[in-house]
Amino acid sequence: MGDEDYMAILEKNLHKTFQDFSPQILFYVAGADPYRDDQLGGLKLTIEGLARRDALVCDYARRHRVPLAITFAGGYARRVEETVRIHIGTILAARDAAGKEKFPRGAAQRTPG
């Protein structure tokens, strides 16, 4: 399964999950094993596809104002630099999502409680 099929399935399921539930926190296991050159994974995602995956998950959490806890997993690419690049991409996606305006003007802010 490549980038486009994976992203379509992920987006469909994220949409349904946030439509059907009101999560108080989202745990995201940001695995590197879907990468096409991972020795143990069975998917064919590119590094760009994994970056799109990370951005989508982080953006869903931000738009729905759900705290996001990220863990890293997997990563058995033939070249360790690629696994590192994938995990750094996840960090950058979280940073970029957090840097966007969290509360549109006039919206009530969620308070810890």
N, C-alpha and C. Protein backbone atom coordinates (compact mmCIF):
# COMPACT_ATOMS: atom_id res chain seq x y z
N MET A 1 0.85 -1.17 0.00
CA MET A 1 0.00 0.00 0.00
C MET A 1 0.90 1.23 0.00
N GLY A 2 0.61 2.16 -0.90
CA GLY A 2 1.41 3.37 -1.03
C GLY A 2 0.77 4.57 -0.35
N ASP A 3 1.38 5.73 -0.58
CA ASP A 3 0.97 6.97 0.08
C ASP A 3 -0.51 7.30 -0.08
N GLU A 4 -1.00 7.30 -1.32
CA GLU A 4 -2.36 7.79 -1.58
C GLU A 4 -3.41 6.90 -0.92
N ASP A 5 -3.27 5.59 -1.07
CA ASP A 5 -4.24 4.67 -0.45
C ASP A 5 -4.20 4.79 1.07
N TYR A 6 -3.00 4.84 1.62
CA TYR A 6 -2.84 4.94 3.07
C TYR A 6 -3.47 6.22 3.60
N MET A 7 -3.19 7.34 2.93
CA MET A 7 -3.73 8.63 3.38
C MET A 7 -5.25 8.66 3.29
N ALA A 8 -5.81 8.08 2.26
CA ALA A 8 -7.27 8.05 2.12
C ALA A 8 -7.90 7.26 3.27
N ILE A 9 -7.32 6.12 3.61
CA ILE A 9 -7.85 5.30 4.70
C ILE A 9 -7.68 6.02 6.04
N LEU A 10 -6.51 6.62 6.25
CA LEU A 10 -6.26 7.33 7.50
C LEU A 10 -7.22 8.50 7.67
N GLU A 11 -7.37 9.31 6.64
CA GLU A 11 -8.25 10.47 6.76
C GLU A 11 -9.70 10.05 7.00
N LYS A 12 -10.15 9.04 6.30
CA LYS A 12 -11.52 8.53 6.50
C LYS A 12 -11.74 8.11 7.94
N ASN A 13 -10.77 7.38 8.50
CA ASN A 13 -10.92 6.88 9.86
C ASN A 13 -10.72 7.96 10.91
N LEU A 14 -9.84 8.91 10.67
CA LEU A 14 -9.73 10.04 11.61
C LEU A 14 -11.03 10.83 11.64
N HIS A 15 -11.58 11.10 10.47
CA HIS A 15 -12.84 11.84 10.40
C HIS A 15 -13.94 11.10 11.17
N LYS A 16 -14.08 9.81 10.93
CA LYS A 16 -15.11 9.02 11.62
C LYS A 16 -14.88 8.99 13.12
N THR A 17 -13.64 8.82 13.52
CA THR A 17 -13.33 8.77 14.96
C THR A 17 -13.71 10.07 15.65
N PHE A 18 -13.32 11.20 15.06
CA PHE A 18 -13.64 12.49 15.70
C PHE A 18 -15.11 12.83 15.57
N GLN A 19 -15.80 12.24 14.62
CA GLN A 19 -17.23 12.45 14.47
C GLN A 19 -18.00 11.63 15.51
N ASP A 20 -17.53 10.41 15.78
CA ASP A 20 -18.24 9.49 16.66
C ASP A 20 -17.86 9.61 18.12
N PHE A 21 -16.69 10.16 18.41
CA PHE A 21 -16.19 10.23 19.78
C PHE A 21 -15.72 11.65 20.10
N SER A 22 -15.58 11.92 21.37
CA SER A 22 -15.00 13.18 21.83
C SER A 22 -13.80 12.86 22.70
N PRO A 23 -12.68 12.52 22.07
CA PRO A 23 -11.52 12.10 22.86
C PRO A 23 -10.99 13.25 23.72
N GLN A 24 -10.49 12.90 24.89
CA GLN A 24 -9.88 13.88 25.78
C GLN A 24 -8.38 13.96 25.56
N ILE A 25 -7.83 12.94 24.94
CA ILE A 25 -6.41 12.93 24.58
C ILE A 25 -6.23 11.96 23.41
N LEU A 26 -5.25 12.23 22.58
CA LEU A 26 -4.95 11.37 21.44
C LEU A 26 -3.53 10.85 21.60
N PHE A 27 -3.38 9.54 21.67
CA PHE A 27 -2.07 8.91 21.71
C PHE A 27 -1.72 8.48 20.29
N TYR A 28 -0.62 8.98 19.78
CA TYR A 28 -0.22 8.72 18.40
C TYR A 28 1.10 7.98 18.40
N VAL A 29 1.07 6.73 17.96
CA VAL A 29 2.28 5.95 17.82
C VAL A 29 2.79 6.20 16.40
N ALA A 30 3.77 7.08 16.30
CA ALA A 30 4.28 7.53 15.00
C ALA A 30 5.36 6.58 14.52
N GLY A 31 4.94 5.45 14.00
CA GLY A 31 5.88 4.44 13.56
C GLY A 31 6.56 4.79 12.25
N ALA A 32 7.81 4.37 12.15
CA ALA A 32 8.56 4.55 10.92
C ALA A 32 8.52 3.30 10.05
N ASP A 33 7.92 2.24 10.56
CA ASP A 33 7.92 0.99 9.82
C ASP A 33 7.03 0.95 8.57
N PRO A 34 6.10 1.90 8.35
CA PRO A 34 5.39 1.89 7.06
C PRO A 34 6.27 2.37 5.89
N TYR A 35 7.47 2.85 6.20
CA TYR A 35 8.38 3.36 5.17
C TYR A 35 8.72 2.25 4.17
N ARG A 36 8.77 2.60 2.92
CA ARG A 36 8.97 1.62 1.85
C ARG A 36 10.29 0.86 1.94
N ASP A 37 11.30 1.45 2.55
CA ASP A 37 12.59 0.77 2.68
C ASP A 37 12.82 0.19 4.07
N ASP A 38 11.75 0.08 4.86
CA ASP A 38 11.87 -0.55 6.17
C ASP A 38 11.99 -2.07 5.95
N GLN A 39 12.89 -2.68 6.67
CA GLN A 39 13.15 -4.11 6.46
C GLN A 39 12.08 -5.02 7.05
N LEU A 40 11.29 -4.51 7.99
CA LEU A 40 10.27 -5.34 8.63
C LEU A 40 8.85 -4.94 8.26
N GLY A 41 8.64 -3.68 7.89
CA GLY A 41 7.30 -3.22 7.56
C GLY A 41 6.85 -3.77 6.21
N GLY A 42 5.54 -3.76 6.02
CA GLY A 42 5.01 -4.30 4.78
C GLY A 42 4.34 -3.26 3.90
N LEU A 43 4.46 -1.99 4.25
CA LEU A 43 3.83 -0.93 3.46
C LEU A 43 4.87 -0.26 2.58
N LYS A 44 4.42 0.66 1.76
CA LYS A 44 5.30 1.29 0.77
C LYS A 44 5.22 2.81 0.82
N LEU A 45 5.14 3.39 2.02
CA LEU A 45 5.05 4.84 2.12
C LEU A 45 6.41 5.48 1.89
N THR A 46 6.37 6.65 1.26
CA THR A 46 7.59 7.43 1.07
C THR A 46 7.82 8.29 2.31
N ILE A 47 8.98 8.89 2.39
CA ILE A 47 9.24 9.82 3.49
C ILE A 47 8.26 10.99 3.41
N GLU A 48 7.95 11.44 2.21
CA GLU A 48 6.98 12.53 2.04
C GLU A 48 5.59 12.08 2.49
N GLY A 49 5.23 10.85 2.19
CA GLY A 49 3.94 10.31 2.63
C GLY A 49 3.84 10.23 4.14
N LEU A 50 4.93 9.83 4.78
CA LEU A 50 4.95 9.78 6.25
C LEU A 50 4.84 11.18 6.84
N ALA A 51 5.45 12.16 6.20
CA ALA A 51 5.33 13.55 6.66
C ALA A 51 3.89 14.02 6.53
N ARG A 52 3.22 13.66 5.45
CA ARG A 52 1.80 14.01 5.28
C ARG A 52 0.95 13.34 6.35
N ARG A 53 1.27 12.08 6.66
CA ARG A 53 0.55 11.35 7.72
C ARG A 53 0.68 12.09 9.04
N ASP A 54 1.91 12.45 9.39
CA ASP A 54 2.14 13.13 10.66
C ASP A 54 1.41 14.47 10.71
N ALA A 55 1.48 15.22 9.62
CA ALA A 55 0.82 16.53 9.58
C ALA A 55 -0.70 16.36 9.73
N LEU A 56 -1.26 15.35 9.10
CA LEU A 56 -2.70 15.12 9.19
C LEU A 56 -3.13 14.80 10.61
N VAL A 57 -2.42 13.89 11.26
CA VAL A 57 -2.77 13.51 12.63
C VAL A 57 -2.62 14.71 13.57
N CYS A 58 -1.52 15.43 13.46
CA CYS A 58 -1.30 16.60 14.33
C CYS A 58 -2.34 17.68 14.08
N ASP A 59 -2.71 17.87 12.82
CA ASP A 59 -3.70 18.89 12.49
C ASP A 59 -5.08 18.51 13.02
N TYR A 60 -5.45 17.25 12.94
CA TYR A 60 -6.73 16.81 13.50
C TYR A 60 -6.79 17.09 15.00
N ALA A 61 -5.72 16.76 15.69
CA ALA A 61 -5.68 17.01 17.14
C ALA A 61 -5.81 18.50 17.43
N ARG A 62 -5.08 19.32 16.68
CA ARG A 62 -5.12 20.77 16.89
C ARG A 62 -6.51 21.33 16.61
N ARG A 63 -7.08 20.97 15.47
CA ARG A 63 -8.39 21.52 15.09
C ARG A 63 -9.49 21.12 16.06
N HIS A 64 -9.35 19.94 16.66
CA HIS A 64 -10.36 19.47 17.61
C HIS A 64 -9.98 19.78 19.06
N ARG A 65 -8.88 20.50 19.22
CA ARG A 65 -8.40 20.91 20.54
C ARG A 65 -8.23 19.73 21.50
N VAL A 66 -7.61 18.69 20.97
CA VAL A 66 -7.36 17.49 21.75
C VAL A 66 -5.85 17.39 21.99
N PRO A 67 -5.44 17.29 23.25
CA PRO A 67 -4.01 17.12 23.54
C PRO A 67 -3.47 15.89 22.81
N LEU A 68 -2.24 15.99 22.35
CA LEU A 68 -1.63 14.93 21.56
C LEU A 68 -0.35 14.44 22.24
N ALA A 69 -0.30 13.15 22.51
CA ALA A 69 0.91 12.51 23.05
C ALA A 69 1.49 11.64 21.93
N ILE A 70 2.74 11.90 21.59
CA ILE A 70 3.38 11.19 20.48
C ILE A 70 4.47 10.27 21.01
N THR A 71 4.47 9.05 20.54
CA THR A 71 5.59 8.14 20.80
C THR A 71 6.16 7.72 19.45
N PHE A 72 7.41 7.39 19.44
CA PHE A 72 8.07 6.94 18.22
C PHE A 72 8.18 5.43 18.28
N ALA A 73 8.09 4.80 17.11
CA ALA A 73 8.14 3.35 17.07
C ALA A 73 8.70 2.91 15.73
N GLY A 74 9.18 1.69 15.72
CA GLY A 74 9.66 1.13 14.47
C GLY A 74 10.87 1.86 13.94
N GLY A 75 11.24 1.47 12.80
CA GLY A 75 12.37 2.13 12.17
C GLY A 75 13.50 1.17 11.93
N TYR A 76 13.35 0.36 10.91
CA TYR A 76 14.39 -0.60 10.56
C TYR A 76 14.77 -0.42 9.09
N ALA A 77 14.87 0.84 8.70
CA ALA A 77 15.28 1.13 7.32
C ALA A 77 16.71 0.65 7.11
N ARG A 78 17.02 0.35 5.88
CA ARG A 78 18.37 -0.09 5.56
C ARG A 78 19.40 0.98 5.91
N ARG A 79 18.99 2.24 5.77
CA ARG A 79 19.86 3.37 6.12
C ARG A 79 19.28 4.06 7.35
N VAL A 80 19.99 4.00 8.46
CA VAL A 80 19.50 4.56 9.72
C VAL A 80 19.18 6.05 9.58
N GLU A 81 19.88 6.74 8.69
CA GLU A 81 19.63 8.17 8.49
C GLU A 81 18.19 8.42 8.06
N GLU A 82 17.62 7.49 7.30
CA GLU A 82 16.25 7.64 6.85
C GLU A 82 15.26 7.49 8.01
N THR A 83 15.53 6.56 8.92
CA THR A 83 14.69 6.41 10.10
C THR A 83 14.75 7.68 10.95
N VAL A 84 15.94 8.21 11.13
CA VAL A 84 16.10 9.45 11.89
C VAL A 84 15.33 10.58 11.21
N ARG A 85 15.45 10.67 9.90
CA ARG A 85 14.74 11.72 9.15
C ARG A 85 13.22 11.61 9.33
N ILE A 86 12.69 10.39 9.34
CA ILE A 86 11.26 10.17 9.53
C ILE A 86 10.83 10.65 10.92
N HIS A 87 11.59 10.29 11.95
CA HIS A 87 11.23 10.70 13.31
C HIS A 87 11.37 12.21 13.50
N ILE A 88 12.37 12.81 12.89
CA ILE A 88 12.50 14.27 12.95
C ILE A 88 11.31 14.92 12.25
N GLY A 89 10.86 14.32 11.16
CA GLY A 89 9.68 14.83 10.47
C GLY A 89 8.44 14.84 11.35
N THR A 90 8.31 13.83 12.19
CA THR A 90 7.19 13.79 13.13
C THR A 90 7.28 14.95 14.12
N ILE A 91 8.46 15.20 14.63
CA ILE A 91 8.67 16.31 15.57
C ILE A 91 8.33 17.64 14.89
N LEU A 92 8.77 17.81 13.67
CA LEU A 92 8.50 19.05 12.95
C LEU A 92 7.01 19.23 12.66
N ALA A 93 6.31 18.14 12.35
CA ALA A 93 4.86 18.23 12.12
C ALA A 93 4.15 18.67 13.39
N ALA A 94 4.57 18.14 14.54
CA ALA A 94 3.96 18.54 15.81
C ALA A 94 4.26 20.00 16.11
N ARG A 95 5.49 20.41 15.86
CA ARG A 95 5.87 21.81 16.07
C ARG A 95 5.04 22.73 15.18
N ASP A 96 4.91 22.38 13.92
CA ASP A 96 4.16 23.22 12.99
C ASP A 96 2.69 23.31 13.37
N ALA A 97 2.10 22.20 13.78
CA ALA A 97 0.69 22.22 14.20
C ALA A 97 0.51 23.05 15.46
N ALA A 98 1.44 22.94 16.39
CA ALA A 98 1.34 23.69 17.64
C ALA A 98 1.54 25.18 17.40
N GLY A 99 2.28 25.53 16.35
CA GLY A 99 2.55 26.94 16.07
C GLY A 99 1.42 27.66 15.39
N LYS A 100 0.43 26.90 14.89
CA LYS A 100 -0.71 27.53 14.23
C LYS A 100 -1.62 28.13 15.29
N GLU A 101 -2.43 29.09 14.89
CA GLU A 101 -3.36 29.71 15.83
C GLU A 101 -4.26 28.62 16.41
N LYS A 102 -4.17 28.43 17.71
CA LYS A 102 -4.90 27.35 18.37
C LYS A 102 -6.37 27.69 18.57
N PHE A 103 -6.66 28.94 18.86
CA PHE A 103 -8.01 29.33 19.18
C PHE A 103 -8.44 30.48 18.28
N PRO A 104 -9.30 30.21 17.29
CA PRO A 104 -9.76 31.29 16.43
C PRO A 104 -10.40 32.40 17.25
N ARG A 105 -10.32 33.59 16.75
CA ARG A 105 -10.88 34.74 17.45
C ARG A 105 -12.33 34.48 17.81
N GLY A 106 -12.68 34.79 19.04
CA GLY A 106 -14.05 34.64 19.51
C GLY A 106 -14.36 33.25 20.02
N ALA A 107 -13.47 32.29 19.83
CA ALA A 107 -13.72 30.93 20.32
C ALA A 107 -13.32 30.83 21.78
N ALA A 108 -14.09 30.06 22.51
CA ALA A 108 -13.76 29.83 23.91
C ALA A 108 -12.54 28.92 24.01
N GLN A 109 -11.63 29.26 24.89
CA GLN A 109 -10.44 28.42 25.07
C GLN A 109 -10.75 27.32 26.06
N ARG A 110 -10.21 26.16 25.77
CA ARG A 110 -10.36 25.01 26.66
C ARG A 110 -9.44 25.22 27.85
N THR A 111 -9.96 25.07 29.04
CA THR A 111 -9.15 25.26 30.24
C THR A 111 -8.89 23.93 30.90
N PRO A 112 -7.71 23.77 31.48
CA PRO A 112 -7.41 22.51 32.17
C PRO A 112 -8.35 22.34 33.36
N GLY A 113 -8.70 21.13 33.61
CA GLY A 113 -9.60 20.97 34.74
C GLY A 113 -9.76 19.60 35.08
